[in-house]
Amino acid sequence: YRVRAASALSKRTAAKLADGGIVGHKCPQCERIYVPPRSYCPLCVVPTTEANEVEIEPRGTVTTFSVITPLQYQGQEEKDDYVQATILLDGSHSTIGMQRLDGIPIADVHTGLRVEAVWLPQEERTVTPGAGARGLGLGEAISGWRPTGDPDAPLEEYAEYIV
């Protein structure tokens, strides 16, 4: 097993998360924004650099979700059902998956729901660059997502991101 050093991009992304921010990369050709930053545009196949970084608001729209029923096994602490969602962040052209929804009854979760990040206290954010953590590393800085109370997003704003 070989441990790889974290890239400069991973280090910058982790530092931003630890400070309570989310960054993406904006393609210089098609101008689509990807979160997390990838150092290239997956459509245009052109490189992106630190100069292409843009800050993304920690708010978005639920595009899909799953209700998780934890299986009980030795050491399992989770007992209650919960929701993991895929979220299209405002201003982004890619979704982030495996995000925990909190503060809403499961029966009220639906696509189009507007949500915002619930950040862990700064002293509890242990973002590890390049660790491949749950939820694209956001799980080490964001404890979950809660409804904003805003009206649902219209389907046409997120339809192409439903997977």
Protein backbone atom coordinates (compact mmCIF):
# COMPACT_ATOMS: atom_id res chain seq x y z
CA TYR A 1 0.00 0.00 0.00
CA ARG A 2 1.46 3.32 -1.08
CA VAL A 3 0.47 6.61 0.55
CA ARG A 4 0.43 9.52 -1.87
CA ALA A 5 1.21 13.07 -0.87
CA ALA A 6 -1.68 15.51 -1.08
CA SER A 7 -1.62 17.80 -4.09
CA ALA A 8 -1.42 21.57 -3.79
CA LEU A 9 -5.06 21.66 -4.97
CA SER A 10 -6.16 19.27 -2.21
CA LYS A 11 -4.29 21.33 0.38
CA ARG A 12 -5.91 24.60 -0.76
CA THR A 13 -9.38 22.98 -0.86
CA ALA A 14 -8.90 21.54 2.64
CA ALA A 15 -7.66 24.86 4.02
CA LYS A 16 -10.71 26.64 2.60
CA LEU A 17 -13.07 24.03 4.13
CA ALA A 18 -11.34 24.40 7.50
CA ASP A 19 -11.98 28.15 7.24
CA GLY A 20 -15.66 27.59 6.43
CA GLY A 21 -15.65 27.97 2.67
CA ILE A 22 -16.17 25.87 -0.43
CA VAL A 23 -14.22 26.36 -3.65
CA GLY A 24 -14.69 25.11 -7.17
CA HIS A 25 -12.85 25.47 -10.46
CA LYS A 26 -14.31 27.43 -13.36
CA CYS A 27 -13.37 26.13 -16.79
CA PRO A 28 -11.68 28.90 -18.81
CA GLN A 29 -13.33 27.53 -21.96
CA CYS A 30 -16.95 26.52 -21.19
CA GLU A 31 -17.17 28.45 -17.87
CA ARG A 32 -18.78 25.51 -16.02
CA ILE A 33 -17.88 25.33 -12.33
CA TYR A 34 -16.94 22.03 -10.68
CA VAL A 35 -16.98 21.25 -6.97
CA PRO A 36 -14.72 19.91 -5.68
CA PRO A 37 -12.07 21.43 -7.95
CA ARG A 38 -10.51 18.84 -10.27
CA SER A 39 -7.58 20.71 -11.88
CA TYR A 40 -9.19 20.15 -15.29
CA CYS A 41 -12.56 20.53 -16.98
CA PRO A 42 -14.03 17.06 -17.54
CA LEU A 43 -15.95 18.29 -20.61
CA CYS A 44 -13.38 20.46 -22.38
CA VAL A 45 -10.36 18.53 -21.07
CA VAL A 46 -8.45 21.74 -20.41
CA PRO A 47 -6.40 22.35 -17.29
CA THR A 48 -7.62 24.58 -14.48
CA THR A 49 -5.37 26.16 -11.89
CA GLU A 50 -5.52 28.27 -8.75
CA ALA A 51 -6.34 31.21 -11.04
CA ASN A 52 -9.62 29.45 -11.92
CA GLU A 53 -10.77 28.96 -8.32
CA VAL A 54 -14.09 30.49 -7.36
CA GLU A 55 -15.86 30.55 -4.03
CA ILE A 56 -19.17 28.70 -3.85
CA GLU A 57 -21.97 29.53 -1.43
CA PRO A 58 -22.72 26.68 1.00
CA ARG A 59 -26.34 26.48 -0.21
CA GLY A 60 -27.97 24.32 -2.82
CA THR A 61 -30.78 22.10 -4.05
CA VAL A 62 -31.46 18.45 -3.30
CA THR A 63 -31.43 16.59 -6.63
CA THR A 64 -31.76 13.02 -5.30
CA PHE A 65 -31.83 11.34 -1.90
CA SER A 66 -31.88 7.98 -0.16
CA VAL A 67 -33.30 7.01 3.21
CA ILE A 68 -30.69 4.98 5.05
CA THR A 69 -31.72 2.34 7.59
CA PRO A 70 -28.60 1.42 9.58
CA LEU A 71 -27.92 -2.28 9.94
CA GLN A 72 -27.16 -3.14 13.52
CA TYR A 73 -23.80 -4.78 14.11
CA GLN A 74 -21.24 -4.63 16.89
CA GLY A 75 -19.88 -1.11 17.15
CA GLN A 76 -22.66 0.44 15.05
CA GLU A 77 -23.70 3.66 16.77
CA GLU A 78 -26.32 4.83 14.28
CA LYS A 79 -29.76 3.44 15.09
CA ASP A 80 -32.28 5.78 13.50
CA ASP A 81 -33.08 6.13 9.80
CA TYR A 82 -31.56 9.20 8.14
CA VAL A 83 -31.32 10.79 4.71
CA GLN A 84 -28.28 11.14 2.47
CA ALA A 85 -28.74 13.48 -0.45
CA THR A 86 -27.05 14.62 -3.61
CA ILE A 87 -26.88 18.41 -3.68
CA LEU A 88 -26.35 20.84 -6.53
CA LEU A 89 -24.56 23.77 -4.92
CA ASP A 90 -25.66 27.22 -6.06
CA GLY A 91 -23.41 28.36 -8.90
CA SER A 92 -21.95 24.91 -9.50
CA HIS A 93 -22.34 22.62 -12.50
CA SER A 94 -21.63 19.42 -10.58
CA THR A 95 -23.26 17.73 -7.60
CA ILE A 96 -21.87 16.54 -4.30
CA GLY A 97 -23.17 13.22 -3.04
CA MET A 98 -23.56 11.46 0.28
CA GLN A 99 -24.55 14.59 2.19
CA ARG A 100 -26.51 14.11 5.40
CA LEU A 101 -29.79 16.02 5.76
CA ASP A 102 -30.75 17.18 9.23
CA GLY A 103 -33.49 19.27 10.76
CA ILE A 104 -36.30 17.89 8.62
CA PRO A 105 -38.57 14.86 9.03
CA ILE A 106 -37.76 12.15 6.49
CA ALA A 107 -41.30 12.31 5.10
CA ASP A 108 -40.73 15.98 4.18
CA VAL A 109 -37.53 15.43 2.18
CA HIS A 110 -37.99 15.83 -1.58
CA THR A 111 -36.13 16.84 -4.71
CA GLY A 112 -35.96 20.57 -5.22
CA LEU A 113 -35.61 21.19 -1.47
CA ARG A 114 -33.36 24.18 -0.78
CA VAL A 115 -30.67 23.46 1.83
CA GLU A 116 -27.70 25.10 3.51
CA ALA A 117 -24.57 23.73 5.16
CA VAL A 118 -24.34 23.23 8.90
CA TRP A 119 -20.67 23.80 9.65
CA LEU A 120 -18.91 22.04 12.49
CA PRO A 121 -17.35 24.44 15.01
CA GLN A 122 -13.99 25.54 13.59
CA GLU A 123 -12.02 23.72 16.29
CA GLU A 124 -13.73 20.44 15.29
CA ARG A 125 -12.98 20.70 11.57
CA THR A 126 -10.30 18.12 10.83
CA VAL A 127 -10.06 18.38 7.07
CA THR A 128 -7.36 16.09 5.70
CA PRO A 129 -6.13 16.99 2.21
CA GLY A 130 -6.51 14.15 -0.27
CA ALA A 131 -7.95 11.74 2.31
CA GLY A 132 -10.97 10.82 0.20
CA ALA A 133 -13.23 11.34 3.18
CA ARG A 134 -17.00 10.87 3.25
CA GLY A 135 -18.92 13.29 1.08
CA LEU A 136 -15.87 14.50 -0.86
CA GLY A 137 -14.20 15.66 2.35
CA LEU A 138 -17.07 17.97 3.28
CA GLY A 139 -18.00 15.54 6.06
CA GLU A 140 -14.96 16.65 8.01
CA ALA A 141 -16.08 20.29 7.97
CA ILE A 142 -19.85 20.18 7.48
CA SER A 143 -21.96 18.11 9.87
CA GLY A 144 -24.96 18.09 7.55
CA TRP A 145 -27.43 20.18 5.58
CA ARG A 146 -30.67 21.75 6.76
CA PRO A 147 -33.61 23.30 4.92
CA THR A 148 -33.30 27.03 4.25
CA GLY A 149 -37.06 27.65 4.33
CA ASP A 150 -36.85 29.07 0.80
CA PRO A 151 -39.35 27.91 -1.83
CA ASP A 152 -38.37 24.75 -3.71
CA ALA A 153 -36.18 25.19 -6.77
CA PRO A 154 -38.03 24.74 -10.07
CA LEU A 155 -37.34 21.36 -11.72
CA GLU A 156 -35.76 22.96 -14.78
CA GLU A 157 -32.95 24.36 -12.58
CA TYR A 158 -31.75 20.92 -11.48
CA ALA A 159 -33.36 18.34 -13.83
CA GLU A 160 -30.14 17.58 -15.71
CA TYR A 161 -28.42 16.76 -12.39
CA ILE A 162 -30.84 14.04 -11.29
CA VAL A 163 -28.94 10.76 -11.36
